[in-house]
Amino acid sequence: MGKKSGPLIMTQDIGKLRMPFLVWMVFISTLVSCVGGTNFLGYNISGYGWVVPLIAAILLLLRNPGQFRFPLSIWFPWVFMVLFYQIFAEAQHSFQRSVMILCPLIIGVAISKFRLDEHDLEFFFKLCRLMALSLIVLVLAKTRVFLTGVLPFTTGLAPEVMTAAILCIIFATKYAFGTKRDLGIWAALAVIPVIAVTRMGMIASAISLPFTLAPLILKKRILFAVVIIIIGINMFYTERIQRKMFYSGEGTIREARWDNPDFATSGRRVIWDSLWKDIEESPWFGHGANSSEEVVSSIAPGLTHPHNDWLRLIHDYGYTGAAVFCLTIIAQLTHMWTRAHRATGHNRNLFYAGASSMLIFGLFMFSDNIILYASFFGNLQFTILGLAYGSYQPRAENLQSAKPGRKLRVRW
């Protein structure tokens, strides 16, 4: 018999894929949330972006509560603190905020129940490339660059910027392992925060490559860092960035500091100062779940978040709660980084990407509400974590060291 035709082989390959439905749901809901701007049954469409996957994940765990490989014990102290504070919460919307905080974790635990092979994980990265292309097209369409050929001074593309950041981490990791074409995808995604004129987004996306935890050689790290700094300095003095950085519309890099009255903080300075005054009254244990929202609303009607999640955690849960969360992030990063050294193939890429995402996540927390943006960052981030743990297999040498007739036990 002759060789099988290309289309037939492709059809058979797709038929063998075992990508969990929950993963598909996270991809679709993230993109739909980025589209935004539409209300359905009285709720913003981005709200469904985290609610629907969360419900699916809970049902999946209830149907079969065991067999997940996610190291949930790392997160027990933080989960306990969120639930404990919620019991005594008095602030409005506290229950919703608590659920949003835990949403990505629940999704990650549910996804870790699936055991995917190299072929399936390869398809996952293909979906990431398709998602990156869709996101780029969406940003260009929203900014109408296709029609005007001019970048706007304001965009409101925070959701797209955060999604671009987590995708940048994925492709930076892929490039570190020799997939050269993914460098172009990373560069295209890194342009999105430039288009959106989001300062932290530009920094986070830019450093995702030179500071990736994947084994990228030092010379390349230095080269990319130098190129990024040169490009960044030149961009700083463009009209769009100058108007974003200074109320007067012009200034130098030395003048881009917090104590400069001309430095544009978008109202953050007033909000953060008020929150710090509240923190002094109860520094160690905070004022309760979501109590920061009431303070922000009283200062700036119409706003609900302080645009600084570390400050939010200190205000709501005190230094104790913020420390627990910080240590949890560090422990999760370390756990994944350790597993990455033992993993192989695409599974290794996922572990390095997941570990790197913790760095970018913590950086975003200094100037945004990423801890609540499950629809744009968290769900996809913990999808990576869940797939990594669910698909993890020890190296061949570890398997060979097991005695014949004995079942190899892998500690988690």
Protein backbone atom coordinates (compact mmCIF):
# COMPACT_ATOMS: atom_id res chain seq x y z
CA MET A 1 0.00 0.00 0.00
CA GLY A 2 1.18 3.53 -0.75
CA LYS A 3 1.92 6.23 1.79
CA LYS A 4 -0.98 7.95 3.51
CA SER A 5 -1.87 11.37 2.23
CA GLY A 6 -1.03 14.48 4.25
CA PRO A 7 -4.65 15.47 5.06
CA LEU A 8 -5.43 11.91 6.20
CA ILE A 9 -2.42 11.87 8.51
CA MET A 10 -3.40 15.27 9.93
CA THR A 11 -6.96 14.07 10.54
CA GLN A 12 -5.70 10.97 12.34
CA ASP A 13 -3.28 13.02 14.46
CA ILE A 14 -6.03 15.39 15.54
CA GLY A 15 -8.21 12.44 16.36
CA LYS A 16 -5.54 11.15 18.77
CA LEU A 17 -5.25 14.43 20.68
CA ARG A 18 -6.47 14.39 24.27
CA MET A 19 -6.56 18.08 25.12
CA PRO A 20 -8.87 18.46 28.14
CA PHE A 21 -12.09 20.35 27.55
CA LEU A 22 -11.25 22.61 30.49
CA VAL A 23 -8.08 23.76 28.70
CA TRP A 24 -10.12 24.64 25.62
CA MET A 25 -12.52 26.52 27.87
CA VAL A 26 -9.72 28.57 29.42
CA PHE A 27 -8.32 29.52 26.00
CA ILE A 28 -11.72 30.54 24.62
CA SER A 29 -12.88 32.36 27.76
CA THR A 30 -9.61 34.32 27.96
CA LEU A 31 -9.94 35.56 24.38
CA VAL A 32 -13.63 36.34 24.81
CA SER A 33 -12.85 38.27 28.00
CA CYS A 34 -10.26 40.31 26.12
CA VAL A 35 -12.91 41.19 23.53
CA GLY A 36 -15.08 42.49 26.41
CA GLY A 37 -17.42 45.44 26.10
CA THR A 38 -20.55 43.31 25.96
CA ASN A 39 -23.15 42.66 28.64
CA PHE A 40 -25.03 39.39 28.85
CA LEU A 41 -27.90 38.98 31.33
CA GLY A 42 -26.77 42.13 33.08
CA TYR A 43 -23.14 41.08 33.59
CA ASN A 44 -19.97 42.05 31.75
CA ILE A 45 -18.74 39.34 29.42
CA SER A 46 -15.32 39.29 31.11
CA GLY A 47 -17.02 38.13 34.32
CA TYR A 48 -18.11 34.95 32.60
CA GLY A 49 -14.49 34.49 31.58
CA TRP A 50 -13.61 33.31 35.07
CA VAL A 51 -16.97 32.05 36.34
CA VAL A 52 -17.62 29.50 33.58
CA PRO A 53 -14.18 27.78 33.76
CA LEU A 54 -14.38 27.85 37.55
CA ILE A 55 -17.72 26.04 37.58
CA ALA A 56 -16.39 23.48 35.11
CA ALA A 57 -13.29 22.91 37.25
CA ILE A 58 -15.37 22.47 40.43
CA LEU A 59 -17.68 19.96 38.73
CA LEU A 60 -14.65 18.06 37.45
CA LEU A 61 -13.16 17.87 40.94
CA LEU A 62 -16.48 16.86 42.53
CA ARG A 63 -16.93 14.10 39.99
CA ASN A 64 -13.55 12.62 40.84
CA PRO A 65 -11.93 14.43 43.77
CA GLY A 66 -8.70 12.40 43.70
CA GLN A 67 -5.94 11.78 41.20
CA PHE A 68 -4.78 15.39 40.91
CA ARG A 69 -1.05 16.00 41.00
CA PHE A 70 -0.98 19.67 41.85
CA PRO A 71 1.07 20.35 45.02
CA LEU A 72 -1.90 21.83 46.84
CA SER A 73 -0.10 21.65 50.18
CA ILE A 74 2.01 24.63 49.07
CA TRP A 75 -1.14 26.74 48.90
CA PHE A 76 -2.90 25.46 52.07
CA PRO A 77 -1.74 28.35 54.33
CA TRP A 78 -2.91 30.98 51.84
CA VAL A 79 -6.21 29.20 51.11
CA PHE A 80 -6.87 28.87 54.83
CA MET A 81 -6.21 32.57 55.36
CA VAL A 82 -8.55 33.63 52.53
CA LEU A 83 -11.35 31.35 53.80
CA PHE A 84 -10.83 32.36 57.43
CA TYR A 85 -10.98 36.06 56.63
CA GLN A 86 -14.03 35.50 54.47
CA ILE A 87 -15.94 34.03 57.41
CA PHE A 88 -15.60 37.32 59.29
CA ALA A 89 -15.72 39.62 56.26
CA GLU A 90 -17.96 42.68 56.44
CA ALA A 91 -16.97 44.52 53.26
CA GLN A 92 -19.22 44.48 50.22
CA HIS A 93 -18.36 42.02 47.44
CA SER A 94 -15.87 40.26 49.72
CA PHE A 95 -17.15 36.79 48.83
CA GLN A 96 -16.82 37.44 45.11
CA ARG A 97 -13.29 38.79 45.52
CA SER A 98 -12.26 35.80 47.64
CA VAL A 99 -13.58 33.38 45.02
CA MET A 100 -11.76 35.31 42.27
CA ILE A 101 -8.50 35.05 44.21
CA LEU A 102 -8.83 31.26 44.49
CA CYS A 103 -10.26 30.68 41.01
CA PRO A 104 -6.97 30.08 39.12
CA LEU A 105 -5.75 27.66 41.79
CA ILE A 106 -8.91 25.56 41.54
CA ILE A 107 -8.56 25.44 37.75
CA GLY A 108 -4.92 24.43 38.02
CA VAL A 109 -5.74 21.61 40.45
CA ALA A 110 -8.51 20.32 38.16
CA ILE A 111 -6.31 20.36 35.05
CA SER A 112 -3.54 18.48 36.87
CA LYS A 113 -5.81 15.42 36.84
CA PHE A 114 -5.09 14.90 33.13
CA ARG A 115 -2.11 12.90 31.87
CA LEU A 116 -1.00 14.25 28.50
CA ASP A 117 1.85 12.93 26.37
CA GLU A 118 4.37 14.81 24.22
CA HIS A 119 2.05 14.83 21.22
CA ASP A 120 -0.74 16.43 23.25
CA LEU A 121 1.57 19.02 24.79
CA GLU A 122 2.93 19.92 21.37
CA PHE A 123 -0.62 20.67 20.32
CA PHE A 124 -1.02 22.83 23.43
CA PHE A 125 1.85 25.04 22.27
CA LYS A 126 0.26 25.22 18.82
CA LEU A 127 -2.88 26.51 20.50
CA CYS A 128 -0.74 29.11 22.27
CA ARG A 129 0.59 30.31 18.92
CA LEU A 130 -2.95 30.53 17.55
CA MET A 131 -4.01 32.44 20.65
CA ALA A 132 -1.09 34.85 20.24
CA LEU A 133 -2.06 35.54 16.64
CA SER A 134 -5.70 36.09 17.63
CA LEU A 135 -4.66 38.48 20.40
CA ILE A 136 -2.46 40.52 18.06
CA VAL A 137 -5.27 40.82 15.51
CA LEU A 138 -7.70 41.82 18.28
CA VAL A 139 -5.39 44.59 19.52
CA LEU A 140 -4.86 45.96 16.03
CA ALA A 141 -8.60 45.89 15.41
CA LYS A 142 -9.43 47.65 18.69
CA THR A 143 -6.89 50.39 18.08
CA ARG A 144 -8.01 50.69 14.42
CA VAL A 145 -4.41 50.77 13.30
CA PHE A 146 -5.52 49.01 10.13
CA LEU A 147 -7.67 52.02 9.21
CA THR A 148 -5.77 55.02 10.59
CA GLY A 149 -2.17 53.86 10.59
CA VAL A 150 -1.74 55.91 13.79
CA LEU A 151 -1.40 54.62 17.37
CA PRO A 152 -3.85 56.19 19.87
CA PHE A 153 -2.66 57.92 23.02
CA THR A 154 -5.11 55.99 25.24
CA THR A 155 -6.36 52.45 24.65
CA GLY A 156 -7.78 50.72 27.73
CA LEU A 157 -6.12 47.46 26.70
CA ALA A 158 -5.12 46.24 30.18
CA PRO A 159 -6.70 42.79 29.66
CA GLU A 160 -4.85 42.27 26.38
CA VAL A 161 -1.58 43.40 27.96
CA MET A 162 -1.80 40.85 30.77
CA THR A 163 -2.71 38.04 28.42
CA ALA A 164 0.18 39.06 26.16
CA ALA A 165 2.52 38.93 29.17
CA ILE A 166 1.69 35.32 30.08
CA LEU A 167 2.04 34.32 26.43
CA CYS A 168 5.41 36.14 26.27
CA ILE A 169 6.60 33.92 29.11
CA ILE A 170 5.60 30.80 27.19
CA PHE A 171 7.38 31.81 24.00
CA ALA A 172 10.46 33.09 25.83
CA THR A 173 10.76 29.63 27.37
CA LYS A 174 10.26 27.93 24.02
CA TYR A 175 12.96 30.10 22.45
CA ALA A 176 15.37 29.30 25.27
CA PHE A 177 15.10 25.65 24.26
CA GLY A 178 15.95 26.38 20.65
CA THR A 179 12.61 27.11 18.93
CA LYS A 180 13.85 30.18 17.03
CA ARG A 181 10.55 31.03 15.35
CA ASP A 182 9.00 31.67 18.75
CA LEU A 183 11.32 34.66 19.22
CA GLY A 184 9.31 36.49 16.55
CA ILE A 185 6.03 35.64 18.31
CA TRP A 186 7.50 36.88 21.60
CA ALA A 187 8.54 40.16 19.95
CA ALA A 188 5.11 40.69 18.41
CA LEU A 189 3.43 40.09 21.78
CA ALA A 190 5.91 42.40 23.55
CA VAL A 191 4.75 45.22 21.26
CA ILE A 192 1.18 44.98 22.61
CA PRO A 193 1.88 46.87 25.88
CA VAL A 194 3.73 49.49 23.81
CA ILE A 195 0.62 49.95 21.70
CA ALA A 196 -1.48 50.05 24.87
CA VAL A 197 0.96 52.46 26.62
CA THR A 198 0.98 50.45 29.87
CA ARG A 199 4.19 51.01 31.76
CA MET A 200 4.34 47.88 33.91
CA GLY A 201 3.14 45.80 30.98
CA MET A 202 6.06 47.04 28.88
CA ILE A 203 8.55 46.19 31.62
CA ALA A 204 7.06 42.77 32.41
CA SER A 205 6.83 41.65 28.79
CA ALA A 206 10.31 42.96 27.96
CA ILE A 207 12.12 41.21 30.82
CA SER A 208 10.26 37.93 30.29
CA LEU A 209 12.96 36.94 27.77
CA PRO A 210 16.30 37.97 29.33
CA PHE A 211 15.10 36.95 32.81
CA THR A 212 13.38 33.70 31.89
CA LEU A 213 14.18 30.88 34.31
CA ALA A 214 14.67 28.54 31.36
CA PRO A 215 18.34 27.73 30.58
CA LEU A 216 19.11 30.57 28.17
CA ILE A 217 22.84 31.17 27.76
CA LEU A 218 24.29 34.23 29.49
CA LYS A 219 25.52 35.90 26.30
CA LYS A 220 22.01 35.93 24.87
CA ARG A 221 20.55 37.24 28.13
CA ILE A 222 23.00 40.14 28.11
CA LEU A 223 22.44 40.82 24.40
CA PHE A 224 18.65 40.88 24.75
CA ALA A 225 18.86 43.03 27.88
CA VAL A 226 21.08 45.59 26.14
CA VAL A 227 18.84 45.71 23.06
CA ILE A 228 15.73 46.11 25.23
CA ILE A 229 17.33 48.94 27.24
CA ILE A 230 18.36 50.79 24.09
CA ILE A 231 14.90 50.44 22.57
CA GLY A 232 13.31 51.41 25.88
CA ILE A 233 15.34 54.60 26.23
CA ASN A 234 14.44 55.69 22.71
CA MET A 235 10.78 54.89 23.28
CA PHE A 236 10.78 56.84 26.54
CA TYR A 237 11.24 60.10 24.67
CA THR A 238 8.43 59.49 22.18
CA GLU A 239 5.36 61.72 22.51
CA ARG A 240 3.02 58.90 23.56
CA ILE A 241 5.24 57.72 26.41
CA GLN A 242 6.07 61.26 27.54
CA ARG A 243 2.39 62.10 27.87
CA LYS A 244 1.87 58.89 29.83
CA MET A 245 4.79 59.52 32.17
CA PHE A 246 4.41 63.23 32.97
CA TYR A 247 1.46 65.52 33.54
CA SER A 248 3.32 68.26 31.68
CA GLY A 249 3.91 65.91 28.75
CA GLU A 250 7.69 65.99 28.93
CA GLY A 251 10.49 64.95 31.23
CA THR A 252 13.70 62.98 31.55
CA ILE A 253 14.39 59.48 32.87
CA ARG A 254 15.79 60.97 36.09
CA GLU A 255 12.52 62.84 36.60
CA ALA A 256 10.47 59.65 36.31
CA ARG A 257 10.33 59.09 40.05
CA TRP A 258 7.53 58.82 42.59
CA ASP A 259 8.39 61.99 44.54
CA ASN A 260 8.20 64.16 41.42
CA PRO A 261 4.84 66.03 41.43
CA ASP A 262 4.91 66.03 37.63
CA PHE A 263 5.23 62.25 37.47
CA ALA A 264 1.88 60.90 36.27
CA THR A 265 0.52 58.32 38.71
CA SER A 266 -3.06 58.25 37.37
CA GLY A 267 -4.36 58.99 40.86
CA ARG A 268 -2.44 56.15 42.49
CA ARG A 269 -0.47 58.46 44.79
CA VAL A 270 -3.58 59.73 46.59
CA ILE A 271 -5.17 56.27 46.84
CA TRP A 272 -2.01 54.57 48.07
CA ASP A 273 -1.31 57.25 50.68
CA SER A 274 -4.82 56.79 52.10
CA LEU A 275 -4.43 53.02 52.21
CA TRP A 276 -1.09 53.31 54.03
CA LYS A 277 -2.75 55.49 56.70
CA ASP A 278 -5.35 52.76 57.21
CA ILE A 279 -2.65 50.10 57.35
CA GLU A 280 -0.96 51.89 60.26
CA GLU A 281 -4.10 51.28 62.34
CA SER A 282 -3.93 47.49 61.90
CA PRO A 283 -0.62 46.60 60.27
CA TRP A 284 -0.26 42.90 61.12
CA PHE A 285 -3.70 41.46 60.49
CA GLY A 286 -5.36 44.03 58.24
CA HIS A 287 -8.91 45.31 58.04
CA GLY A 288 -10.64 42.28 56.52
CA ALA A 289 -11.28 40.76 53.11
CA ASN A 290 -11.89 43.36 50.39
CA SER A 291 -11.89 46.24 52.88
CA SER A 292 -9.55 48.15 50.54
CA GLU A 293 -12.36 48.49 48.01
CA GLU A 294 -14.38 50.68 50.35
CA VAL A 295 -11.41 52.97 50.92
CA VAL A 296 -10.71 53.31 47.21
CA SER A 297 -14.38 53.99 46.40
CA SER A 298 -14.58 56.70 49.05
CA ILE A 299 -11.56 58.49 47.57
CA ALA A 300 -12.29 57.96 43.87
CA PRO A 301 -15.97 57.20 43.21
CA GLY A 302 -16.29 54.73 40.37
CA LEU A 303 -13.00 52.96 41.18
CA THR A 304 -12.86 49.79 43.25
CA HIS A 305 -9.24 48.60 43.13
CA PRO A 306 -6.00 50.23 44.35
CA HIS A 307 -3.92 49.12 41.33
CA ASN A 308 -1.39 47.61 43.70
CA ASP A 309 -2.13 44.08 44.86
CA TRP A 310 0.68 43.98 47.40
CA LEU A 311 -0.82 47.06 49.02
CA ARG A 312 -4.28 45.46 48.80
CA LEU A 313 -3.05 42.33 50.58
CA ILE A 314 -1.34 44.33 53.33
CA HIS A 315 -4.47 46.45 53.88
CA ASP A 316 -6.91 43.53 53.82
CA TYR A 317 -4.84 40.70 55.39
CA GLY A 318 -2.04 42.63 57.08
CA TYR A 319 1.67 42.06 56.81
CA THR A 320 0.99 38.50 57.96
CA GLY A 321 -1.27 37.73 55.01
CA ALA A 322 1.01 39.44 52.49
CA ALA A 323 3.97 37.47 53.84
CA VAL A 324 2.05 34.18 53.58
CA PHE A 325 1.16 34.94 49.97
CA CYS A 326 4.70 36.02 49.09
CA LEU A 327 6.19 32.86 50.62
CA THR A 328 3.60 30.77 48.77
CA ILE A 329 4.63 32.30 45.45
CA ILE A 330 8.29 31.69 46.22
CA ALA A 331 7.59 28.09 47.27
CA GLN A 332 5.58 27.44 44.11
CA LEU A 333 8.32 28.93 41.93
CA THR A 334 10.98 26.81 43.66
CA HIS A 335 8.90 23.64 43.40
CA MET A 336 8.36 24.10 39.67
CA TRP A 337 11.98 25.05 39.04
CA THR A 338 13.11 21.88 40.81
CA ARG A 339 10.69 19.72 38.80
CA ALA A 340 11.87 21.42 35.60
CA HIS A 341 15.35 19.97 36.11
CA ARG A 342 13.90 16.46 36.27
CA ALA A 343 11.37 16.79 33.46
CA THR A 344 11.90 16.32 29.73
CA GLY A 345 10.51 17.58 26.43
CA HIS A 346 7.48 19.85 26.35
CA ASN A 347 6.75 19.04 29.99
CA ARG A 348 10.04 20.69 30.93
CA ASN A 349 9.02 23.79 28.96
CA LEU A 350 5.80 24.02 30.94
CA PHE A 351 7.59 23.82 34.28
CA TYR A 352 10.05 26.57 33.35
CA ALA A 353 7.24 28.74 31.94
CA GLY A 354 5.19 28.22 35.11
CA ALA A 355 8.12 29.13 37.34
CA SER A 356 8.91 32.22 35.26
CA SER A 357 5.28 33.30 35.39
CA MET A 358 5.53 33.67 39.17
CA LEU A 359 8.18 36.37 38.75
CA ILE A 360 6.09 38.35 36.26
CA PHE A 361 2.98 37.83 38.39
CA GLY A 362 4.69 39.30 41.44
CA LEU A 363 5.96 42.24 39.38
CA PHE A 364 2.51 43.06 38.01
CA MET A 365 1.16 43.09 41.55
CA PHE A 366 3.06 46.31 42.28
CA SER A 367 0.95 48.39 39.88
CA ASP A 368 -2.16 46.46 38.94
CA ASN A 369 -4.98 44.17 40.07
CA ILE A 370 -3.64 40.99 38.53
CA ILE A 371 -4.57 38.87 41.54
CA LEU A 372 -8.22 39.41 40.60
CA TYR A 373 -7.71 39.25 36.84
CA ALA A 374 -8.26 35.51 36.58
CA SER A 375 -9.91 35.94 33.18
CA PHE A 376 -6.85 37.60 31.65
CA PHE A 377 -3.81 36.09 33.40
CA GLY A 378 -4.44 33.75 36.33
CA ASN A 379 -6.50 31.07 34.60
CA LEU A 380 -4.02 30.67 31.77
CA GLN A 381 -1.10 30.80 34.20
CA PHE A 382 -2.47 27.96 36.33
CA THR A 383 -3.45 26.02 33.23
CA ILE A 384 0.28 25.90 32.51
CA LEU A 385 0.95 24.76 36.07
CA GLY A 386 -1.79 22.13 35.98
CA LEU A 387 -0.63 20.67 32.67
CA ALA A 388 2.97 20.60 33.89
CA TYR A 389 2.18 18.63 37.04
CA GLY A 390 -0.39 16.39 35.41
CA SER A 391 1.98 15.39 32.60
CA TYR A 392 5.12 15.10 34.71
CA GLN A 393 7.22 11.96 34.37
CA PRO A 394 10.65 11.49 35.95
CA ARG A 395 13.69 11.20 33.74
CA ALA A 396 14.58 7.85 32.21
CA GLU A 397 17.50 7.37 34.59
CA ASN A 398 15.13 7.63 37.55
CA LEU A 399 12.91 4.95 36.02
CA GLN A 400 15.86 2.66 35.45
CA SER A 401 16.95 3.00 39.06
CA ALA A 402 13.72 1.42 40.25
CA LYS A 403 14.10 -2.25 41.18
CA PRO A 404 12.32 -4.84 38.98
CA GLY A 405 8.90 -5.73 40.28
CA ARG A 406 8.64 -2.62 42.44
CA LYS A 407 6.32 0.20 41.58
CA LEU A 408 8.13 3.51 41.22
CA ARG A 409 6.75 6.17 43.55
CA VAL A 410 7.07 9.78 42.59
CA ARG A 411 6.86 12.23 45.46
CA TRP A 412 4.91 15.41 45.00
